[in-house]
Amino acid sequence: SFGFRKFRSTHDACKQAFLCLSHTYAPVWVLEGDIKGCFD
């Protein structure tokens, strides 16, 4: 998890996505989500 974390950034999230998707038997779908009004 990279949101709201110290010393973590979008670049770290991209690196994690690359690591997960670069394997031979990697997932073929990426699901992006947003919790509407999370703070509220």
Full PDB file with SEQRES, HELIX, SHEET, SSBOND, CRYST1, ORIGX, SCALE, CONECT and MASTER records, all heavy atoms in Angstrom:
SEQRES   1 A   40  SER PHE GLY PHE ARG LYS PHE ARG SER THR HIS ASP ALA          
SEQRES   2 A   40  CYS LYS GLN ALA PHE LEU CYS LEU SER HIS THR TYR ALA          
SEQRES   3 A   40  PRO VAL TRP VAL LEU GLU GLY ASP ILE LYS GLY CYS PHE          
SEQRES   4 A   40  ASP                                                          
HELIX    1 AA1 THR A   10  LEU A   21  1                                  12    
CRYST1    1.000    1.000    1.000  90.00  90.00  90.00 P 1           1          
ORIGX1      1.000000  0.000000  0.000000        0.00000                         
ORIGX2      0.000000  1.000000  0.000000        0.00000                         
ORIGX3      0.000000  0.000000  1.000000        0.00000                         
SCALE1      1.000000  0.000000  0.000000        0.00000                         
SCALE2      0.000000  1.000000  0.000000        0.00000                         
SCALE3      0.000000  0.000000  1.000000        0.00000                         
ATOM      1  N   SER A   1       0.867  -1.183   0.000  1.00  0.00           N  
ATOM      2  CA  SER A   1       0.000   0.000   0.000  1.00  0.00           C  
ATOM      3  C   SER A   1       0.903   1.232   0.000  1.00  0.00           C  
ATOM      4  O   SER A   1       1.863   1.299   0.763  1.00  0.00           O  
ATOM      5  CB  SER A   1      -0.885  -0.020   1.251  1.00  0.00           C  
ATOM      6  OG  SER A   1      -1.612   1.171   1.344  1.00  0.00           O  
ATOM      7  N   PHE A   2       0.580   2.194  -0.851  1.00  0.00           N  
ATOM      8  CA  PHE A   2       1.484   3.334  -1.010  1.00  0.00           C  
ATOM      9  C   PHE A   2       0.847   4.680  -0.704  1.00  0.00           C  
ATOM     10  O   PHE A   2       1.547   5.664  -0.545  1.00  0.00           O  
ATOM     11  CB  PHE A   2       2.065   3.341  -2.425  1.00  0.00           C  
ATOM     12  CG  PHE A   2       2.829   2.080  -2.728  1.00  0.00           C  
ATOM     13  CD1 PHE A   2       2.221   1.030  -3.389  1.00  0.00           C  
ATOM     14  CD2 PHE A   2       4.135   1.921  -2.307  1.00  0.00           C  
ATOM     15  CE1 PHE A   2       2.906  -0.145  -3.635  1.00  0.00           C  
ATOM     16  CE2 PHE A   2       4.832   0.753  -2.547  1.00  0.00           C  
ATOM     17  CZ  PHE A   2       4.213  -0.283  -3.217  1.00  0.00           C  
ATOM     18  N   GLY A   3      -0.469   4.754  -0.605  1.00  0.00           N  
ATOM     19  CA  GLY A   3      -1.142   6.020  -0.330  1.00  0.00           C  
ATOM     20  C   GLY A   3      -0.975   6.450   1.113  1.00  0.00           C  
ATOM     21  O   GLY A   3      -1.094   5.640   2.027  1.00  0.00           O  
ATOM     22  N   PHE A   4      -0.674   7.719   1.319  1.00  0.00           N  
ATOM     23  CA  PHE A   4      -0.553   8.326   2.650  1.00  0.00           C  
ATOM     24  C   PHE A   4       0.548   7.696   3.501  1.00  0.00           C  
ATOM     25  O   PHE A   4       0.481   7.731   4.718  1.00  0.00           O  
ATOM     26  CB  PHE A   4      -1.878   8.260   3.417  1.00  0.00           C  
ATOM     27  CG  PHE A   4      -3.041   8.776   2.651  1.00  0.00           C  
ATOM     28  CD1 PHE A   4      -4.096   7.943   2.325  1.00  0.00           C  
ATOM     29  CD2 PHE A   4      -3.098  10.099   2.262  1.00  0.00           C  
ATOM     30  CE1 PHE A   4      -5.177   8.420   1.619  1.00  0.00           C  
ATOM     31  CE2 PHE A   4      -4.176  10.582   1.560  1.00  0.00           C  
ATOM     32  CZ  PHE A   4      -5.222   9.742   1.236  1.00  0.00           C  
ATOM     33  N   ARG A   5       1.547   7.118   2.861  1.00  0.00           N  
ATOM     34  CA  ARG A   5       2.613   6.458   3.612  1.00  0.00           C  
ATOM     35  C   ARG A   5       3.898   7.267   3.499  1.00  0.00           C  
ATOM     36  O   ARG A   5       4.261   7.735   2.421  1.00  0.00           O  
ATOM     37  CB  ARG A   5       2.860   5.041   3.077  1.00  0.00           C  
ATOM     38  CG  ARG A   5       1.647   4.117   3.047  1.00  0.00           C  
ATOM     39  CD  ARG A   5       1.214   3.627   4.402  1.00  0.00           C  
ATOM     40  NE  ARG A   5       2.090   2.652   4.981  1.00  0.00           N  
ATOM     41  CZ  ARG A   5       2.019   1.344   4.746  1.00  0.00           C  
ATOM     42  NH1 ARG A   5       1.109   0.844   3.945  1.00  0.00           N  
ATOM     43  NH2 ARG A   5       2.854   0.532   5.345  1.00  0.00           N  
ATOM     44  N   LYS A   6       4.604   7.386   4.620  1.00  0.00           N  
ATOM     45  CA  LYS A   6       5.891   8.087   4.621  1.00  0.00           C  
ATOM     46  C   LYS A   6       6.897   7.321   3.775  1.00  0.00           C  
ATOM     47  O   LYS A   6       6.912   6.085   3.786  1.00  0.00           O  
ATOM     48  CB  LYS A   6       6.438   8.191   6.046  1.00  0.00           C  
ATOM     49  CG  LYS A   6       5.837   9.300   6.841  1.00  0.00           C  
ATOM     50  CD  LYS A   6       6.567   9.424   8.162  1.00  0.00           C  
ATOM     51  CE  LYS A   6       6.004  10.573   8.949  1.00  0.00           C  
ATOM     52  NZ  LYS A   6       6.666  10.727  10.226  1.00  0.00           N  
ATOM     53  N   PHE A   7       7.717   8.060   3.093  1.00  0.00           N  
ATOM     54  CA  PHE A   7       8.810   7.513   2.286  1.00  0.00           C  
ATOM     55  C   PHE A   7       8.318   6.580   1.182  1.00  0.00           C  
ATOM     56  O   PHE A   7       9.049   5.720   0.726  1.00  0.00           O  
ATOM     57  CB  PHE A   7       9.849   6.809   3.168  1.00  0.00           C  
ATOM     58  CG  PHE A   7      10.266   7.614   4.364  1.00  0.00           C  
ATOM     59  CD1 PHE A   7       9.983   7.178   5.646  1.00  0.00           C  
ATOM     60  CD2 PHE A   7      10.910   8.828   4.210  1.00  0.00           C  
ATOM     61  CE1 PHE A   7      10.351   7.919   6.751  1.00  0.00           C  
ATOM     62  CE2 PHE A   7      11.280   9.579   5.315  1.00  0.00           C  
ATOM     63  CZ  PHE A   7      11.000   9.134   6.587  1.00  0.00           C  
ATOM     64  N   ARG A   8       7.049   6.728   0.768  1.00  0.00           N  
ATOM     65  CA  ARG A   8       6.513   5.940  -0.344  1.00  0.00           C  
ATOM     66  C   ARG A   8       5.908   6.902  -1.348  1.00  0.00           C  
ATOM     67  O   ARG A   8       5.366   7.935  -0.981  1.00  0.00           O  
ATOM     68  CB  ARG A   8       5.467   4.945   0.138  1.00  0.00           C  
ATOM     69  CG  ARG A   8       6.073   3.902   1.050  1.00  0.00           C  
ATOM     70  CD  ARG A   8       5.058   2.898   1.452  1.00  0.00           C  
ATOM     71  NE  ARG A   8       5.626   2.018   2.460  1.00  0.00           N  
ATOM     72  CZ  ARG A   8       5.260   0.773   2.618  1.00  0.00           C  
ATOM     73  NH1 ARG A   8       4.338   0.245   1.859  1.00  0.00           N  
ATOM     74  NH2 ARG A   8       5.809   0.035   3.556  1.00  0.00           N  
ATOM     75  N   SER A   9       5.987   6.535  -2.613  1.00  0.00           N  
ATOM     76  CA  SER A   9       5.546   7.450  -3.654  1.00  0.00           C  
ATOM     77  C   SER A   9       4.864   6.696  -4.787  1.00  0.00           C  
ATOM     78  O   SER A   9       4.789   5.468  -4.793  1.00  0.00           O  
ATOM     79  CB  SER A   9       6.759   8.198  -4.214  1.00  0.00           C  
ATOM     80  OG  SER A   9       7.603   7.283  -4.908  1.00  0.00           O  
ATOM     81  N   THR A  10       4.433   7.461  -5.771  1.00  0.00           N  
ATOM     82  CA  THR A  10       3.845   6.897  -6.976  1.00  0.00           C  
ATOM     83  C   THR A  10       4.868   6.002  -7.674  1.00  0.00           C  
ATOM     84  O   THR A  10       4.514   4.959  -8.229  1.00  0.00           O  
ATOM     85  CB  THR A  10       3.389   8.024  -7.917  1.00  0.00           C  
ATOM     86  OG1 THR A  10       2.533   8.893  -7.191  1.00  0.00           O  
ATOM     87  CG2 THR A  10       2.666   7.484  -9.126  1.00  0.00           C  
ATOM     88  N   HIS A  11       6.133   6.399  -7.634  1.00  0.00           N  
ATOM     89  CA  HIS A  11       7.199   5.598  -8.260  1.00  0.00           C  
ATOM     90  C   HIS A  11       7.297   4.219  -7.608  1.00  0.00           C  
ATOM     91  O   HIS A  11       7.512   3.220  -8.302  1.00  0.00           O  
ATOM     92  CB  HIS A  11       8.549   6.319  -8.164  1.00  0.00           C  
ATOM     93  CG  HIS A  11       8.583   7.607  -8.911  1.00  0.00           C  
ATOM     94  ND1 HIS A  11       8.543   7.692 -10.280  1.00  0.00           N  
ATOM     95  CD2 HIS A  11       8.623   8.882  -8.461  1.00  0.00           C  
ATOM     96  CE1 HIS A  11       8.571   8.946 -10.652  1.00  0.00           C  
ATOM     97  NE2 HIS A  11       8.617   9.702  -9.564  1.00  0.00           N  
ATOM     98  N   ASP A  12       7.120   4.159  -6.299  1.00  0.00           N  
ATOM     99  CA  ASP A  12       7.143   2.868  -5.605  1.00  0.00           C  
ATOM    100  C   ASP A  12       5.957   2.006  -6.040  1.00  0.00           C  
ATOM    101  O   ASP A  12       6.099   0.791  -6.211  1.00  0.00           O  
ATOM    102  CB  ASP A  12       7.107   3.069  -4.086  1.00  0.00           C  
ATOM    103  CG  ASP A  12       8.338   3.787  -3.577  1.00  0.00           C  
ATOM    104  OD1 ASP A  12       9.451   3.463  -4.020  1.00  0.00           O  
ATOM    105  OD2 ASP A  12       8.170   4.686  -2.731  1.00  0.00           O  
ATOM    106  N   ALA A  13       4.800   2.619  -6.210  1.00  0.00           N  
ATOM    107  CA  ALA A  13       3.611   1.883  -6.658  1.00  0.00           C  
ATOM    108  C   ALA A  13       3.829   1.353  -8.075  1.00  0.00           C  
ATOM    109  O   ALA A  13       3.481   0.201  -8.379  1.00  0.00           O  
ATOM    110  CB  ALA A  13       2.375   2.774  -6.590  1.00  0.00           C  
ATOM    111  N   CYS A  14       4.421   2.172  -8.940  1.00  0.00           N  
ATOM    112  CA  CYS A  14       4.716   1.735 -10.316  1.00  0.00           C  
ATOM    113  C   CYS A  14       5.710   0.584 -10.321  1.00  0.00           C  
ATOM    114  O   CYS A  14       5.575  -0.376 -11.086  1.00  0.00           O  
ATOM    115  CB  CYS A  14       5.245   2.904 -11.145  1.00  0.00           C  
ATOM    116  SG  CYS A  14       4.012   4.162 -11.505  1.00  0.00           S  
ATOM    117  N   LYS A  15       6.719   0.667  -9.478  1.00  0.00           N  
ATOM    118  CA  LYS A  15       7.720  -0.401  -9.367  1.00  0.00           C  
ATOM    119  C   LYS A  15       7.049  -1.708  -8.932  1.00  0.00           C  
ATOM    120  O   LYS A  15       7.321  -2.772  -9.486  1.00  0.00           O  
ATOM    121  CB  LYS A  15       8.798  -0.006  -8.368  1.00  0.00           C  
ATOM    122  CG  LYS A  15       9.870  -1.055  -8.157  1.00  0.00           C  
ATOM    123  CD  LYS A  15      10.890  -0.588  -7.114  1.00  0.00           C  
ATOM    124  CE  LYS A  15      11.845  -1.687  -6.752  1.00  0.00           C  
ATOM    125  NZ  LYS A  15      12.767  -1.272  -5.679  1.00  0.00           N  
ATOM    126  N   GLN A  16       6.145  -1.630  -7.945  1.00  0.00           N  
ATOM    127  CA  GLN A  16       5.437  -2.817  -7.463  1.00  0.00           C  
ATOM    128  C   GLN A  16       4.567  -3.410  -8.572  1.00  0.00           C  
ATOM    129  O   GLN A  16       4.532  -4.631  -8.751  1.00  0.00           O  
ATOM    130  CB  GLN A  16       4.582  -2.477  -6.241  1.00  0.00           C  
ATOM    131  CG  GLN A  16       3.836  -3.648  -5.659  1.00  0.00           C  
ATOM    132  CD  GLN A  16       4.744  -4.718  -5.086  1.00  0.00           C  
ATOM    133  OE1 GLN A  16       5.816  -4.427  -4.600  1.00  0.00           O  
ATOM    134  NE2 GLN A  16       4.316  -5.962  -5.153  1.00  0.00           N  
ATOM    135  N   ALA A  17       3.883  -2.549  -9.322  1.00  0.00           N  
ATOM    136  CA  ALA A  17       3.049  -3.029 -10.432  1.00  0.00           C  
ATOM    137  C   ALA A  17       3.922  -3.718 -11.483  1.00  0.00           C  
ATOM    138  O   ALA A  17       3.571  -4.787 -11.995  1.00  0.00           O  
ATOM    139  CB  ALA A  17       2.278  -1.868 -11.046  1.00  0.00           C  
ATOM    140  N   PHE A  18       5.069  -3.127 -11.810  1.00  0.00           N  
ATOM    141  CA  PHE A  18       5.981  -3.730 -12.773  1.00  0.00           C  
ATOM    142  C   PHE A  18       6.453  -5.098 -12.298  1.00  0.00           C  
ATOM    143  O   PHE A  18       6.466  -6.072 -13.067  1.00  0.00           O  
ATOM    144  CB  PHE A  18       7.185  -2.820 -13.037  1.00  0.00           C  
ATOM    145  CG  PHE A  18       8.162  -3.409 -14.004  1.00  0.00           C  
ATOM    146  CD1 PHE A  18       7.933  -3.351 -15.374  1.00  0.00           C  
ATOM    147  CD2 PHE A  18       9.303  -4.058 -13.542  1.00  0.00           C  
ATOM    148  CE1 PHE A  18       8.833  -3.920 -16.266  1.00  0.00           C  
ATOM    149  CE2 PHE A  18      10.202  -4.625 -14.433  1.00  0.00           C  
ATOM    150  CZ  PHE A  18       9.971  -4.553 -15.799  1.00  0.00           C  
ATOM    151  N   LEU A  19       6.848  -5.184 -11.015  1.00  0.00           N  
ATOM    152  CA  LEU A  19       7.318  -6.466 -10.480  1.00  0.00           C  
ATOM    153  C   LEU A  19       6.236  -7.539 -10.566  1.00  0.00           C  
ATOM    154  O   LEU A  19       6.516  -8.685 -10.911  1.00  0.00           O  
ATOM    155  CB  LEU A  19       7.777  -6.305  -9.033  1.00  0.00           C  
ATOM    156  CG  LEU A  19       9.083  -5.540  -8.820  1.00  0.00           C  
ATOM    157  CD1 LEU A  19       9.313  -5.291  -7.334  1.00  0.00           C  
ATOM    158  CD2 LEU A  19      10.253  -6.304  -9.421  1.00  0.00           C  
ATOM    159  N   CYS A  20       5.007  -7.168 -10.277  1.00  0.00           N  
ATOM    160  CA  CYS A  20       3.905  -8.140 -10.308  1.00  0.00           C  
ATOM    161  C   CYS A  20       3.540  -8.550 -11.730  1.00  0.00           C  
ATOM    162  O   CYS A  20       3.139  -9.688 -11.971  1.00  0.00           O  
ATOM    163  CB  CYS A  20       2.670  -7.570  -9.624  1.00  0.00           C  
ATOM    164  SG  CYS A  20       2.858  -7.412  -7.851  1.00  0.00           S  
ATOM    165  N   LEU A  21       3.680  -7.633 -12.667  1.00  0.00           N  
ATOM    166  CA  LEU A  21       3.234  -7.896 -14.036  1.00  0.00           C  
ATOM    167  C   LEU A  21       4.332  -8.395 -14.968  1.00  0.00           C  
ATOM    168  O   LEU A  21       4.055  -8.759 -16.106  1.00  0.00           O  
ATOM    169  CB  LEU A  21       2.616  -6.618 -14.624  1.00  0.00           C  
ATOM    170  CG  LEU A  21       1.382  -6.097 -13.899  1.00  0.00           C  
ATOM    171  CD1 LEU A  21       0.991  -4.731 -14.418  1.00  0.00           C  
ATOM    172  CD2 LEU A  21       0.236  -7.085 -14.034  1.00  0.00           C  
ATOM    173  N   SER A  22       5.573  -8.445 -14.498  1.00  0.00           N  
ATOM    174  CA  SER A  22       6.683  -8.805 -15.383  1.00  0.00           C  
ATOM    175  C   SER A  22       6.974 -10.306 -15.429  1.00  0.00           C  
ATOM    176  O   SER A  22       7.833 -10.732 -16.199  1.00  0.00           O  
ATOM    177  CB  SER A  22       7.952  -8.050 -14.967  1.00  0.00           C  
ATOM    178  OG  SER A  22       8.353  -8.448 -13.671  1.00  0.00           O  
ATOM    179  N   HIS A  23       6.284 -11.096 -14.650  1.00  0.00           N  
ATOM    180  CA  HIS A  23       6.519 -12.548 -14.648  1.00  0.00           C  
ATOM    181  C   HIS A  23       5.826 -13.212 -15.835  1.00  0.00           C  
ATOM    182  O   HIS A  23       4.865 -12.684 -16.391  1.00  0.00           O  
ATOM    183  CB  HIS A  23       6.005 -13.177 -13.345  1.00  0.00           C  
ATOM    184  CG  HIS A  23       6.686 -12.625 -12.122  1.00  0.00           C  
ATOM    185  ND1 HIS A  23       7.999 -12.879 -11.826  1.00  0.00           N  
ATOM    186  CD2 HIS A  23       6.227 -11.822 -11.132  1.00  0.00           C  
ATOM    187  CE1 HIS A  23       8.330 -12.256 -10.709  1.00  0.00           C  
ATOM    188  NE2 HIS A  23       7.265 -11.602 -10.275  1.00  0.00           N  
ATOM    189  N   THR A  24       6.284 -14.406 -16.189  1.00  0.00           N  
ATOM    190  CA  THR A  24       5.696 -15.147 -17.301  1.00  0.00           C  
ATOM    191  C   THR A  24       4.208 -15.403 -17.059  1.00  0.00           C  
ATOM    192  O   THR A  24       3.393 -15.262 -17.966  1.00  0.00           O  
ATOM    193  CB  THR A  24       6.439 -16.499 -17.484  1.00  0.00           C  
ATOM    194  OG1 THR A  24       7.835 -16.231 -17.610  1.00  0.00           O  
ATOM    195  CG2 THR A  24       5.929 -17.237 -18.698  1.00  0.00           C  
ATOM    196  N   TYR A  25       3.866 -15.806 -15.858  1.00  0.00           N  
ATOM    197  CA  TYR A  25       2.467 -16.103 -15.536  1.00  0.00           C  
ATOM    198  C   TYR A  25       1.847 -14.971 -14.718  1.00  0.00           C  
ATOM    199  O   TYR A  25       1.233 -15.196 -13.688  1.00  0.00           O  
ATOM    200  CB  TYR A  25       2.366 -17.432 -14.781  1.00  0.00           C  
ATOM    201  CG  TYR A  25       2.817 -18.595 -15.621  1.00  0.00           C  
ATOM    202  CD1 TYR A  25       4.056 -19.185 -15.415  1.00  0.00           C  
ATOM    203  CD2 TYR A  25       2.019 -19.074 -16.651  1.00  0.00           C  
ATOM    204  CE1 TYR A  25       4.490 -20.241 -16.198  1.00  0.00           C  
ATOM    205  CE2 TYR A  25       2.441 -20.125 -17.446  1.00  0.00           C  
ATOM    206  CZ  TYR A  25       3.674 -20.705 -17.211  1.00  0.00           C  
ATOM    207  OH  TYR A  25       4.094 -21.740 -17.997  1.00  0.00           O  
ATOM    208  N   ALA A  26       2.037 -13.772 -15.178  1.00  0.00           N  
ATOM    209  CA  ALA A  26       1.526 -12.593 -14.469  1.00  0.00           C  
ATOM    210  C   ALA A  26       0.054 -12.375 -14.783  1.00  0.00           C  
ATOM    211  O   ALA A  26      -0.461 -12.858 -15.792  1.00  0.00           O  
ATOM    212  CB  ALA A  26       2.326 -11.365 -14.896  1.00  0.00           C  
ATOM    213  N   PRO A  27      -0.632 -11.655 -13.933  1.00  0.00           N  
ATOM    214  CA  PRO A  27      -2.026 -11.301 -14.224  1.00  0.00           C  
ATOM    215  C   PRO A  27      -2.109 -10.528 -15.537  1.00  0.00           C  
ATOM    216  O   PRO A  27      -1.164  -9.836 -15.928  1.00  0.00           O  
ATOM    217  CB  PRO A  27      -2.429 -10.394 -13.053  1.00  0.00           C  
ATOM    218  CG  PRO A  27      -1.439 -10.649 -11.982  1.00  0.00           C  
ATOM    219  CD  PRO A  27      -0.180 -11.085 -12.662  1.00  0.00           C  
ATOM    220  N   VAL A  28      -3.230 -10.662 -16.203  1.00  0.00           N  
ATOM    221  CA  VAL A  28      -3.414  -9.944 -17.468  1.00  0.00           C  
ATOM    222  C   VAL A  28      -4.331  -8.729 -17.300  1.00  0.00           C  
ATOM    223  O   VAL A  28      -4.520  -7.968 -18.233  1.00  0.00           O  
ATOM    224  CB  VAL A  28      -3.966 -10.870 -18.578  1.00  0.00           C  
ATOM    225  CG1 VAL A  28      -2.934 -11.938 -18.932  1.00  0.00           C  
ATOM    226  CG2 VAL A  28      -5.268 -11.506 -18.155  1.00  0.00           C  
ATOM    227  N   TRP A  29      -4.911  -8.584 -16.142  1.00  0.00           N  
ATOM    228  CA  TRP A  29      -5.799  -7.459 -15.872  1.00  0.00           C  
ATOM    229  C   TRP A  29      -5.266  -6.639 -14.693  1.00  0.00           C  
ATOM    230  O   TRP A  29      -4.694  -7.184 -13.758  1.00  0.00           O  
ATOM    231  CB  TRP A  29      -7.208  -7.943 -15.495  1.00  0.00           C  
ATOM    232  CG  TRP A  29      -7.923  -8.602 -16.627  1.00  0.00           C  
ATOM    233  CD1 TRP A  29      -7.934  -9.933 -16.917  1.00  0.00           C  
ATOM    234  CD2 TRP A  29      -8.709  -7.967 -17.621  1.00  0.00           C  
ATOM    235  NE1 TRP A  29      -8.686 -10.181 -18.024  1.00  0.00           N  
ATOM    236  CE2 TRP A  29      -9.186  -8.971 -18.483  1.00  0.00           C  
ATOM    237  CE3 TRP A  29      -9.056  -6.648 -17.880  1.00  0.00           C  
ATOM    238  CZ2 TRP A  29      -9.992  -8.704 -19.572  1.00  0.00           C  
ATOM    239  CZ3 TRP A  29      -9.870  -6.384 -18.963  1.00  0.00           C  
ATOM    240  CH2 TRP A  29     -10.325  -7.398 -19.792  1.00  0.00           C  
ATOM    241  N   VAL A  30      -5.488  -5.355 -14.755  1.00  0.00           N  
ATOM    242  CA  VAL A  30      -5.174  -4.461 -13.651  1.00  0.00           C  
ATOM    243  C   VAL A  30      -6.468  -3.747 -13.297  1.00  0.00           C  
ATOM    244  O   VAL A  30      -7.131  -3.178 -14.166  1.00  0.00           O  
ATOM    245  CB  VAL A  30      -4.098  -3.415 -14.031  1.00  0.00           C  
ATOM    246  CG1 VAL A  30      -3.901  -2.410 -12.905  1.00  0.00           C  
ATOM    247  CG2 VAL A  30      -2.787  -4.111 -14.368  1.00  0.00           C  
ATOM    248  N   LEU A  31      -6.837  -3.828 -12.043  1.00  0.00           N  
ATOM    249  CA  LEU A  31      -8.062  -3.171 -11.577  1.00  0.00           C  
ATOM    250  C   LEU A  31      -7.676  -1.965 -10.732  1.00  0.00           C  
ATOM    251  O   LEU A  31      -6.924  -2.088  -9.769  1.00  0.00           O  
ATOM    252  CB  LEU A  31      -8.895  -4.155 -10.734  1.00  0.00           C  
ATOM    253  CG  LEU A  31     -10.166  -3.608 -10.116  1.00  0.00           C  
ATOM    254  CD1 LEU A  31     -11.170  -3.234 -11.200  1.00  0.00           C  
ATOM    255  CD2 LEU A  31     -10.770  -4.645  -9.187  1.00  0.00           C  
ATOM    256  N   GLU A  32      -8.148  -0.816 -11.149  1.00  0.00           N  
ATOM    257  CA  GLU A  32      -7.887   0.402 -10.393  1.00  0.00           C  
ATOM    258  C   GLU A  32      -9.173   0.780  -9.679  1.00  0.00           C  
ATOM    259  O   GLU A  32     -10.263   0.673 -10.241  1.00  0.00           O  
ATOM    260  CB  GLU A  32      -7.472   1.538 -11.327  1.00  0.00           C  
ATOM    261  CG  GLU A  32      -7.214   2.823 -10.592  1.00  0.00           C  
ATOM    262  CD  GLU A  32      -6.919   3.995 -11.515  1.00  0.00           C  
ATOM    263  OE1 GLU A  32      -6.845   3.812 -12.733  1.00  0.00           O  
ATOM    264  OE2 GLU A  32      -6.775   5.106 -10.981  1.00  0.00           O  
ATOM    265  N   GLY A  33      -9.053   1.197  -8.439  1.00  0.00           N  
ATOM    266  CA  GLY A  33     -10.241   1.567  -7.675  1.00  0.00           C  
ATOM    267  C   GLY A  33     -10.022   2.827  -6.870  1.00  0.00           C  
ATOM    268  O   GLY A  33      -8.898   3.229  -6.611  1.00  0.00           O  
ATOM    269  N   ASP A  34     -11.104   3.431  -6.508  1.00  0.00           N  
ATOM    270  CA  ASP A  34     -11.065   4.630  -5.679  1.00  0.00           C  
ATOM    271  C   ASP A  34     -12.244   4.536  -4.723  1.00  0.00           C  
ATOM    272  O   ASP A  34     -13.370   4.262  -5.141  1.00  0.00           O  
ATOM    273  CB  ASP A  34     -11.189   5.880  -6.562  1.00  0.00           C  
ATOM    274  CG  ASP A  34     -11.062   7.169  -5.773  1.00  0.00           C  
ATOM    275  OD1 ASP A  34     -10.532   7.140  -4.641  1.00  0.00           O  
ATOM    276  OD2 ASP A  34     -11.507   8.213  -6.278  1.00  0.00           O  
ATOM    277  N   ILE A  35     -11.983   4.738  -3.463  1.00  0.00           N  
ATOM    278  CA  ILE A  35     -13.062   4.712  -2.481  1.00  0.00           C  
ATOM    279  C   ILE A  35     -13.688   6.099  -2.463  1.00  0.00           C  
ATOM    280  O   ILE A  35     -13.074   7.058  -1.993  1.00  0.00           O  
ATOM    281  CB  ILE A  35     -12.546   4.320  -1.085  1.00  0.00           C  
ATOM    282  CG1 ILE A  35     -11.885   2.952  -1.140  1.00  0.00           C  
ATOM    283  CG2 ILE A  35     -13.684   4.357  -0.071  1.00  0.00           C  
ATOM    284  CD1 ILE A  35     -11.155   2.570   0.131  1.00  0.00           C  
ATOM    285  N   LYS A  36     -14.889   6.190  -3.006  1.00  0.00           N  
ATOM    286  CA  LYS A  36     -15.566   7.481  -3.105  1.00  0.00           C  
ATOM    287  C   LYS A  36     -15.848   8.029  -1.706  1.00  0.00           C  
ATOM    288  O   LYS A  36     -16.466   7.373  -0.882  1.00  0.00           O  
ATOM    289  CB  LYS A  36     -16.872   7.332  -3.884  1.00  0.00           C  
ATOM    290  CG  LYS A  36     -17.572   8.644  -4.127  1.00  0.00           C  
ATOM    291  CD  LYS A  36     -18.816   8.459  -4.953  1.00  0.00           C  
ATOM    292  CE  LYS A  36     -19.483   9.809  -5.168  1.00  0.00           C  
ATOM    293  NZ  LYS A  36     -20.702   9.665  -5.958  1.00  0.00           N  
ATOM    294  N   GLY A  37     -15.365   9.233  -1.471  1.00  0.00           N  
ATOM    295  CA  GLY A  37     -15.614   9.885  -0.190  1.00  0.00           C  
ATOM    296  C   GLY A  37     -15.027   9.147   0.992  1.00  0.00           C  
ATOM    297  O   GLY A  37     -15.615   9.143   2.069  1.00  0.00           O  
ATOM    298  N   CYS A  38     -13.861   8.530   0.821  1.00  0.00           N  
ATOM    299  CA  CYS A  38     -13.243   7.742   1.899  1.00  0.00           C  
ATOM    300  C   CYS A  38     -13.142   8.539   3.191  1.00  0.00           C  
ATOM    301  O   CYS A  38     -13.602   8.090   4.234  1.00  0.00           O  
ATOM    302  CB  CYS A  38     -11.872   7.252   1.464  1.00  0.00           C  
ATOM    303  SG  CYS A  38     -10.960   6.410   2.770  1.00  0.00           S  
ATOM    304  N   PHE A  39     -12.545   9.714   3.119  1.00  0.00           N  
ATOM    305  CA  PHE A  39     -12.381  10.529   4.328  1.00  0.00           C  
ATOM    306  C   PHE A  39     -13.730  10.949   4.897  1.00  0.00           C  
ATOM    307  O   PHE A  39     -13.891  11.059   6.107  1.00  0.00           O  
ATOM    308  CB  PHE A  39     -11.541  11.774   4.048  1.00  0.00           C  
ATOM    309  CG  PHE A  39     -10.075  11.501   3.932  1.00  0.00           C  
ATOM    310  CD1 PHE A  39      -9.477  11.387   2.689  1.00  0.00           C  
ATOM    311  CD2 PHE A  39      -9.288  11.348   5.056  1.00  0.00           C  
ATOM    312  CE1 PHE A  39      -8.126  11.144   2.574  1.00  0.00           C  
ATOM    313  CE2 PHE A  39      -7.934  11.103   4.958  1.00  0.00           C  
ATOM    314  CZ  PHE A  39      -7.351  11.001   3.709  1.00  0.00           C  
ATOM    315  N   ASP A  40     -14.706  11.197   4.022  1.00  0.00           N  
ATOM    316  CA  ASP A  40     -16.016  11.681   4.467  1.00  0.00           C  
ATOM    317  C   ASP A  40     -16.873  10.602   5.118  1.00  0.00           C  
ATOM    318  O   ASP A  40     -17.783  10.913   5.878  1.00  0.00           O  
ATOM    319  CB  ASP A  40     -16.800  12.271   3.289  1.00  0.00           C  
ATOM    320  CG  ASP A  40     -16.104  13.452   2.660  1.00  0.00           C  
ATOM    321  OD1 ASP A  40     -15.359  14.148   3.382  1.00  0.00           O  
ATOM    322  OD2 ASP A  40     -16.284  13.681   1.450  1.00  0.00           O  
TER     323      ASP A  40                                                      
MASTER        0    0    0    1    0    0    0    6  322    1    0    4          
END                                                                             
